[in-house]
Amino acid sequence: MVLLVPLNYTLRKKILSFMTLSICKKMNKEYYLRPLKKEDGILLRQWTDHDDPLFVGYNYSDLSDKELDIWFKMKQGRNNALYFSIFNIEGKLIGYIGIKEINKVLKIAKLGIVLDSKFMSKGIGSKVLQQFLNFYFEKLKMRRLDLEVNAWNTRAINLYKKFNFKMHSSEYIKFENQVIDIEEEKYEGYFERKNGIIFTKIYEMRLKRQEYLDEIRD
């Protein structure tokens, strides 16, 4: 069992100080990050919804104020989670990235990154993730970064492999879209149904600090 220890003031301050760095310059002034704020939830409603039934869990346009409040508390309202909003140079919220289940004793956390569907497949995720990983391992001196990804999300898996994330384990969890037709051939191997409930296959991937440093040196 992983021990979750609340972030102390020093670590939180160190993480937030990252936002004052010249991240825009490093990213050719295309994007910048800042700590996720409650009002950013309203901006999520302006995102373009996914047409693909696999991604309906990331459609925010019809979320109520109460649902947005719950969303924010899940992301930023816990001592062991820190999320940042991703804005483009026009000031549009195009995504968010962060870590949760932060264990400052073992120096491990779990990654989360989501982009507006309109800005996917444009190389943005790669640029943002590169800067975030540099901060995570070289500034915070964390030891390992974990993540969970749907087995069907080959685009995301390929991105993580690019940065040397390795497969660690797999499991099935309840899927957000319970009306998806998992009998379609393209979904074979990714889903299963138990007691009338649809479960999706999830991979856990891990990246150790030394593996990341080895990758960026190559």
C-alpha atoms as a PDB file:
ATOM      1  CA  MET A   1       0.000   0.000   0.000  1.00  0.00           C
ATOM      2  CA  VAL A   2       1.325   3.433  -0.942  1.00  0.00           C
ATOM      3  CA  LEU A   3       1.594   5.910   1.895  1.00  0.00           C
ATOM      4  CA  LEU A   4       0.191   9.317   0.972  1.00  0.00           C
ATOM      5  CA  VAL A   5       1.777  12.158   2.904  1.00  0.00           C
ATOM      6  CA  PRO A   6       0.324  15.703   2.673  1.00  0.00           C
ATOM      7  CA  LEU A   7       2.594  18.168   0.902  1.00  0.00           C
ATOM      8  CA  ASN A   8       4.462  20.436   3.249  1.00  0.00           C
ATOM      9  CA  TYR A   9       4.691  24.158   2.618  1.00  0.00           C
ATOM     10  CA  THR A  10       8.247  24.000   1.276  1.00  0.00           C
ATOM     11  CA  LEU A  11       7.462  21.424  -1.406  1.00  0.00           C
ATOM     12  CA  ARG A  12       4.253  23.167  -2.465  1.00  0.00           C
ATOM     13  CA  LYS A  13       6.099  26.496  -2.715  1.00  0.00           C
ATOM     14  CA  LYS A  14       8.850  24.853  -4.744  1.00  0.00           C
ATOM     15  CA  ILE A  15       6.343  23.375  -7.155  1.00  0.00           C
ATOM     16  CA  LEU A  16       4.405  26.603  -7.582  1.00  0.00           C
ATOM     17  CA  SER A  17       7.638  28.539  -8.128  1.00  0.00           C
ATOM     18  CA  PHE A  18       7.962  26.523 -11.327  1.00  0.00           C
ATOM     19  CA  MET A  19       5.214  28.670 -12.766  1.00  0.00           C
ATOM     20  CA  THR A  20       7.434  31.755 -12.512  1.00  0.00           C
ATOM     21  CA  LEU A  21      10.116  30.243 -14.741  1.00  0.00           C
ATOM     22  CA  SER A  22      10.454  31.287 -18.376  1.00  0.00           C
ATOM     23  CA  ILE A  23       8.400  28.332 -19.551  1.00  0.00           C
ATOM     24  CA  CYS A  24       6.993  30.365 -22.454  1.00  0.00           C
ATOM     25  CA  LYS A  25      10.480  31.038 -23.769  1.00  0.00           C
ATOM     26  CA  LYS A  26      11.372  27.376 -23.551  1.00  0.00           C
ATOM     27  CA  MET A  27       8.259  26.502 -25.527  1.00  0.00           C
ATOM     28  CA  ASN A  28       8.799  29.187 -28.184  1.00  0.00           C
ATOM     29  CA  LYS A  29       6.187  31.351 -26.442  1.00  0.00           C
ATOM     30  CA  GLU A  30       3.434  29.096 -27.754  1.00  0.00           C
ATOM     31  CA  TYR A  31       2.104  27.856 -24.433  1.00  0.00           C
ATOM     32  CA  TYR A  32       2.365  28.582 -20.745  1.00  0.00           C
ATOM     33  CA  LEU A  33       1.331  26.906 -17.514  1.00  0.00           C
ATOM     34  CA  ARG A  34      -0.091  28.262 -14.296  1.00  0.00           C
ATOM     35  CA  PRO A  35      -1.696  26.661 -11.230  1.00  0.00           C
ATOM     36  CA  LEU A  36      -5.192  25.370 -11.969  1.00  0.00           C
ATOM     37  CA  LYS A  37      -7.860  27.745 -10.636  1.00  0.00           C
ATOM     38  CA  LYS A  38     -11.494  27.093  -9.846  1.00  0.00           C
ATOM     39  CA  GLU A  39     -12.663  29.520 -12.528  1.00  0.00           C
ATOM     40  CA  ASP A  40     -10.827  27.454 -15.156  1.00  0.00           C
ATOM     41  CA  GLY A  41     -13.647  24.945 -14.838  1.00  0.00           C
ATOM     42  CA  ILE A  42     -15.931  27.419 -16.602  1.00  0.00           C
ATOM     43  CA  LEU A  43     -13.504  27.527 -19.531  1.00  0.00           C
ATOM     44  CA  LEU A  44     -13.766  23.758 -19.896  1.00  0.00           C
ATOM     45  CA  ARG A  45     -17.315  24.237 -21.152  1.00  0.00           C
ATOM     46  CA  GLN A  46     -15.876  26.013 -24.202  1.00  0.00           C
ATOM     47  CA  TRP A  47     -13.887  22.980 -25.259  1.00  0.00           C
ATOM     48  CA  THR A  48     -14.846  21.069 -28.386  1.00  0.00           C
ATOM     49  CA  ASP A  49     -16.561  17.812 -27.455  1.00  0.00           C
ATOM     50  CA  HIS A  50     -15.202  14.506 -28.707  1.00  0.00           C
ATOM     51  CA  ASP A  51     -17.284  12.668 -31.297  1.00  0.00           C
ATOM     52  CA  ASP A  52     -15.478   9.407 -30.576  1.00  0.00           C
ATOM     53  CA  PRO A  53     -17.445   7.407 -27.943  1.00  0.00           C
ATOM     54  CA  LEU A  54     -14.129   6.361 -26.393  1.00  0.00           C
ATOM     55  CA  PHE A  55     -13.500   9.908 -25.186  1.00  0.00           C
ATOM     56  CA  VAL A  56     -16.920  10.986 -23.907  1.00  0.00           C
ATOM     57  CA  GLY A  57     -15.500  11.047 -20.382  1.00  0.00           C
ATOM     58  CA  TYR A  58     -13.524  14.125 -21.444  1.00  0.00           C
ATOM     59  CA  ASN A  59     -16.512  16.116 -22.711  1.00  0.00           C
ATOM     60  CA  TYR A  60     -17.126  19.038 -20.379  1.00  0.00           C
ATOM     61  CA  SER A  61     -19.529  21.279 -22.313  1.00  0.00           C
ATOM     62  CA  ASP A  62     -22.655  20.212 -20.411  1.00  0.00           C
ATOM     63  CA  LEU A  63     -21.211  19.987 -16.888  1.00  0.00           C
ATOM     64  CA  SER A  64     -23.253  21.772 -14.224  1.00  0.00           C
ATOM     65  CA  ASP A  65     -21.733  24.231 -11.751  1.00  0.00           C
ATOM     66  CA  LYS A  66     -21.893  21.541  -9.083  1.00  0.00           C
ATOM     67  CA  GLU A  67     -20.132  19.017 -11.312  1.00  0.00           C
ATOM     68  CA  LEU A  68     -17.414  21.561 -12.129  1.00  0.00           C
ATOM     69  CA  ASP A  69     -16.968  22.245  -8.431  1.00  0.00           C
ATOM     70  CA  ILE A  70     -16.511  18.520  -7.789  1.00  0.00           C
ATOM     71  CA  TRP A  71     -14.076  18.311 -10.710  1.00  0.00           C
ATOM     72  CA  PHE A  72     -11.938  21.121  -9.292  1.00  0.00           C
ATOM     73  CA  LYS A  73     -11.883  19.672  -5.787  1.00  0.00           C
ATOM     74  CA  MET A  74     -10.750  16.333  -7.211  1.00  0.00           C
ATOM     75  CA  LYS A  75      -7.897  18.024  -9.064  1.00  0.00           C
ATOM     76  CA  GLN A  76      -6.704  20.801  -6.806  1.00  0.00           C
ATOM     77  CA  GLY A  77      -8.555  20.480  -3.537  1.00  0.00           C
ATOM     78  CA  ARG A  78      -6.428  17.676  -2.113  1.00  0.00           C
ATOM     79  CA  ASN A  79      -3.107  17.911  -0.314  1.00  0.00           C
ATOM     80  CA  ASN A  80      -1.578  15.217  -2.501  1.00  0.00           C
ATOM     81  CA  ALA A  81      -2.462  16.653  -5.914  1.00  0.00           C
ATOM     82  CA  LEU A  82      -1.186  19.612  -7.925  1.00  0.00           C
ATOM     83  CA  TYR A  83      -2.545  20.546 -11.352  1.00  0.00           C
ATOM     84  CA  PHE A  84      -1.680  23.275 -13.827  1.00  0.00           C
ATOM     85  CA  SER A  85      -3.698  24.844 -16.625  1.00  0.00           C
ATOM     86  CA  ILE A  86      -2.212  24.952 -20.118  1.00  0.00           C
ATOM     87  CA  PHE A  87      -2.881  28.157 -22.078  1.00  0.00           C
ATOM     88  CA  ASN A  88      -1.863  29.104 -25.595  1.00  0.00           C
ATOM     89  CA  ILE A  89      -0.461  32.525 -26.439  1.00  0.00           C
ATOM     90  CA  GLU A  90      -3.985  33.799 -27.177  1.00  0.00           C
ATOM     91  CA  GLY A  91      -4.920  33.054 -23.575  1.00  0.00           C
ATOM     92  CA  LYS A  92      -7.188  30.095 -24.400  1.00  0.00           C
ATOM     93  CA  LEU A  93      -7.298  27.183 -21.973  1.00  0.00           C
ATOM     94  CA  ILE A  94      -6.275  24.199 -24.092  1.00  0.00           C
ATOM     95  CA  GLY A  95      -5.541  21.590 -21.437  1.00  0.00           C
ATOM     96  CA  TYR A  96      -4.312  20.748 -17.991  1.00  0.00           C
ATOM     97  CA  ILE A  97      -1.485  18.662 -16.576  1.00  0.00           C
ATOM     98  CA  GLY A  98      -0.596  17.620 -13.080  1.00  0.00           C
ATOM     99  CA  ILE A  99       0.304  15.026 -10.526  1.00  0.00           C
ATOM    100  CA  LYS A 100      -1.755  13.273  -7.880  1.00  0.00           C
ATOM    101  CA  GLU A 101      -1.141  10.670  -5.172  1.00  0.00           C
ATOM    102  CA  ILE A 102       2.087  12.541  -4.410  1.00  0.00           C
ATOM    103  CA  ASN A 103       4.285  10.640  -1.992  1.00  0.00           C
ATOM    104  CA  LYS A 104       7.046  12.969  -0.868  1.00  0.00           C
ATOM    105  CA  VAL A 105       8.685  10.208   1.180  1.00  0.00           C
ATOM    106  CA  LEU A 106       9.110   7.750  -1.692  1.00  0.00           C
ATOM    107  CA  LYS A 107       9.257  10.634  -4.210  1.00  0.00           C
ATOM    108  CA  ILE A 108       6.582   9.106  -6.429  1.00  0.00           C
ATOM    109  CA  ALA A 109       3.449  10.590  -8.009  1.00  0.00           C
ATOM    110  CA  LYS A 110       0.911   9.817 -10.732  1.00  0.00           C
ATOM    111  CA  LEU A 111       0.691  11.885 -13.924  1.00  0.00           C
ATOM    112  CA  GLY A 112      -2.445  13.244 -15.558  1.00  0.00           C
ATOM    113  CA  ILE A 113      -2.674  15.260 -18.782  1.00  0.00           C
ATOM    114  CA  VAL A 114      -5.764  16.225 -20.808  1.00  0.00           C
ATOM    115  CA  LEU A 115      -6.091  18.426 -23.906  1.00  0.00           C
ATOM    116  CA  ASP A 116      -9.041  20.059 -25.629  1.00  0.00           C
ATOM    117  CA  SER A 117      -9.906  17.757 -28.561  1.00  0.00           C
ATOM    118  CA  LYS A 118      -9.387  20.707 -30.922  1.00  0.00           C
ATOM    119  CA  PHE A 119      -5.708  20.839 -29.958  1.00  0.00           C
ATOM    120  CA  MET A 120      -4.883  17.142 -29.980  1.00  0.00           C
ATOM    121  CA  SER A 121      -2.468  15.589 -32.498  1.00  0.00           C
ATOM    122  CA  LYS A 122      -0.608  18.896 -32.912  1.00  0.00           C
ATOM    123  CA  GLY A 123       2.495  18.086 -30.888  1.00  0.00           C
ATOM    124  CA  ILE A 124       1.344  20.189 -27.939  1.00  0.00           C
ATOM    125  CA  GLY A 125       1.207  17.307 -25.497  1.00  0.00           C
ATOM    126  CA  SER A 126       4.789  16.352 -26.322  1.00  0.00           C
ATOM    127  CA  LYS A 127       6.105  19.883 -25.742  1.00  0.00           C
ATOM    128  CA  VAL A 128       4.229  20.375 -22.492  1.00  0.00           C
ATOM    129  CA  LEU A 129       5.144  16.935 -21.169  1.00  0.00           C
ATOM    130  CA  GLN A 130       8.817  17.465 -21.959  1.00  0.00           C
ATOM    131  CA  GLN A 131       8.940  20.641 -19.856  1.00  0.00           C
ATOM    132  CA  PHE A 132       6.913  19.083 -17.071  1.00  0.00           C
ATOM    133  CA  LEU A 133       9.139  16.007 -16.863  1.00  0.00           C
ATOM    134  CA  ASN A 134      12.229  18.199 -16.754  1.00  0.00           C
ATOM    135  CA  PHE A 135      10.766  20.077 -13.795  1.00  0.00           C
ATOM    136  CA  TYR A 136       9.558  16.915 -12.084  1.00  0.00           C
ATOM    137  CA  PHE A 137      12.833  15.006 -12.205  1.00  0.00           C
ATOM    138  CA  GLU A 138      15.497  17.725 -12.317  1.00  0.00           C
ATOM    139  CA  LYS A 139      13.971  20.447 -10.132  1.00  0.00           C
ATOM    140  CA  LEU A 140      11.886  18.433  -7.679  1.00  0.00           C
ATOM    141  CA  LYS A 141      14.287  15.481  -7.762  1.00  0.00           C
ATOM    142  CA  MET A 142      11.387  13.008  -7.745  1.00  0.00           C
ATOM    143  CA  ARG A 143      12.323   9.357  -8.159  1.00  0.00           C
ATOM    144  CA  ARG A 144       9.508   7.913 -10.275  1.00  0.00           C
ATOM    145  CA  LEU A 145       6.423   9.026 -12.197  1.00  0.00           C
ATOM    146  CA  ASP A 146       3.498   6.661 -12.775  1.00  0.00           C
ATOM    147  CA  LEU A 147       0.478   6.967 -15.050  1.00  0.00           C
ATOM    148  CA  GLU A 148      -2.579   5.033 -16.184  1.00  0.00           C
ATOM    149  CA  VAL A 149      -3.677   4.916 -19.809  1.00  0.00           C
ATOM    150  CA  ASN A 150      -6.441   3.091 -21.657  1.00  0.00           C
ATOM    151  CA  ALA A 151      -5.084   0.197 -23.709  1.00  0.00           C
ATOM    152  CA  TRP A 152      -6.974   1.480 -26.763  1.00  0.00           C
ATOM    153  CA  ASN A 153      -5.321   4.918 -26.560  1.00  0.00           C
ATOM    154  CA  THR A 154      -2.344   4.099 -28.770  1.00  0.00           C
ATOM    155  CA  ARG A 155      -1.664   7.774 -29.479  1.00  0.00           C
ATOM    156  CA  ALA A 156      -1.078   8.493 -25.788  1.00  0.00           C
ATOM    157  CA  ILE A 157       0.869   5.262 -25.270  1.00  0.00           C
ATOM    158  CA  ASN A 158       3.235   6.159 -28.111  1.00  0.00           C
ATOM    159  CA  LEU A 159       3.755   9.609 -26.594  1.00  0.00           C
ATOM    160  CA  TYR A 160       4.666   8.137 -23.225  1.00  0.00           C
ATOM    161  CA  LYS A 161       7.005   5.597 -24.796  1.00  0.00           C
ATOM    162  CA  LYS A 162       8.755   8.487 -26.535  1.00  0.00           C
ATOM    163  CA  PHE A 163       9.799   9.715 -23.093  1.00  0.00           C
ATOM    164  CA  ASN A 164      10.883   6.238 -21.970  1.00  0.00           C
ATOM    165  CA  PHE A 165       7.822   5.284 -19.904  1.00  0.00           C
ATOM    166  CA  LYS A 166       7.720   1.513 -19.502  1.00  0.00           C
ATOM    167  CA  MET A 167       4.765  -0.863 -19.181  1.00  0.00           C
ATOM    168  CA  HIS A 168       4.394  -2.119 -15.628  1.00  0.00           C
ATOM    169  CA  SER A 169       0.993  -3.818 -15.241  1.00  0.00           C
ATOM    170  CA  SER A 170      -2.588  -3.914 -16.502  1.00  0.00           C
ATOM    171  CA  GLU A 171      -6.066  -4.159 -15.037  1.00  0.00           C
ATOM    172  CA  TYR A 172      -9.712  -3.596 -15.934  1.00  0.00           C
ATOM    173  CA  ILE A 173     -11.699  -0.699 -14.472  1.00  0.00           C
ATOM    174  CA  LYS A 174     -15.266   0.510 -15.013  1.00  0.00           C
ATOM    175  CA  PHE A 175     -15.551   2.537 -18.226  1.00  0.00           C
ATOM    176  CA  GLU A 176     -17.183   5.980 -18.284  1.00  0.00           C
ATOM    177  CA  ASN A 177     -19.309   5.233 -21.362  1.00  0.00           C
ATOM    178  CA  GLN A 178     -21.621   2.362 -20.462  1.00  0.00           C
ATOM    179  CA  VAL A 179     -23.533   2.516 -23.777  1.00  0.00           C
ATOM    180  CA  ILE A 180     -20.560   1.942 -26.083  1.00  0.00           C
ATOM    181  CA  ASP A 181     -20.907  -1.064 -28.395  1.00  0.00           C
ATOM    182  CA  ILE A 182     -17.925  -3.145 -27.310  1.00  0.00           C
ATOM    183  CA  GLU A 183     -18.901  -5.888 -29.763  1.00  0.00           C
ATOM    184  CA  GLU A 184     -17.410  -3.851 -32.618  1.00  0.00           C
ATOM    185  CA  GLU A 185     -14.310  -5.543 -33.997  1.00  0.00           C
ATOM    186  CA  LYS A 186     -12.097  -2.474 -33.454  1.00  0.00           C
ATOM    187  CA  TYR A 187     -12.673  -2.720 -29.689  1.00  0.00           C
ATOM    188  CA  GLU A 188     -11.630  -6.365 -29.417  1.00  0.00           C
ATOM    189  CA  GLY A 189      -9.203  -6.934 -26.566  1.00  0.00           C
ATOM    190  CA  TYR A 190      -9.840  -3.579 -24.921  1.00  0.00           C
ATOM    191  CA  PHE A 191     -13.103  -4.187 -23.060  1.00  0.00           C
ATOM    192  CA  GLU A 192     -14.970  -6.823 -21.129  1.00  0.00           C
ATOM    193  CA  ARG A 193     -18.444  -7.019 -19.644  1.00  0.00           C
ATOM    194  CA  LYS A 194     -19.131  -8.378 -16.151  1.00  0.00           C
ATOM    195  CA  ASN A 195     -22.577  -8.455 -14.566  1.00  0.00           C
ATOM    196  CA  GLY A 196     -23.805  -6.039 -17.213  1.00  0.00           C
ATOM    197  CA  ILE A 197     -21.031  -3.505 -16.528  1.00  0.00           C
ATOM    198  CA  ILE A 198     -18.436  -2.531 -19.151  1.00  0.00           C
ATOM    199  CA  PHE A 199     -14.808  -2.500 -18.049  1.00  0.00           C
ATOM    200  CA  THR A 200     -11.885  -1.043 -19.992  1.00  0.00           C
ATOM    201  CA  LYS A 201      -8.338  -2.367 -19.984  1.00  0.00           C
ATOM    202  CA  ILE A 202      -5.856   0.011 -18.361  1.00  0.00           C
ATOM    203  CA  TYR A 203      -2.079  -0.042 -18.551  1.00  0.00           C
ATOM    204  CA  GLU A 204       0.061   1.308 -15.744  1.00  0.00           C
ATOM    205  CA  MET A 205       3.262   2.824 -17.082  1.00  0.00           C
ATOM    206  CA  ARG A 206       6.244   4.057 -15.095  1.00  0.00           C
ATOM    207  CA  LEU A 207       9.205   6.304 -15.698  1.00  0.00           C
ATOM    208  CA  LYS A 208      12.175   6.317 -13.345  1.00  0.00           C
ATOM    209  CA  ARG A 209      14.347   9.388 -12.971  1.00  0.00           C
ATOM    210  CA  GLN A 210      17.488   7.734 -14.299  1.00  0.00           C
ATOM    211  CA  GLU A 211      15.627   6.329 -17.314  1.00  0.00           C
ATOM    212  CA  TYR A 212      14.374   9.812 -18.132  1.00  0.00           C
ATOM    213  CA  LEU A 213      17.838  11.337 -17.780  1.00  0.00           C
ATOM    214  CA  ASP A 214      19.285   8.598 -19.990  1.00  0.00           C
ATOM    215  CA  GLU A 215      16.654   9.327 -22.636  1.00  0.00           C
ATOM    216  CA  ILE A 216      17.288  13.077 -22.830  1.00  0.00           C
ATOM    217  CA  ARG A 217      21.043  12.515 -23.038  1.00  0.00           C
ATOM    218  CA  ASP A 218      20.708  10.297 -26.129  1.00  0.00           C
END
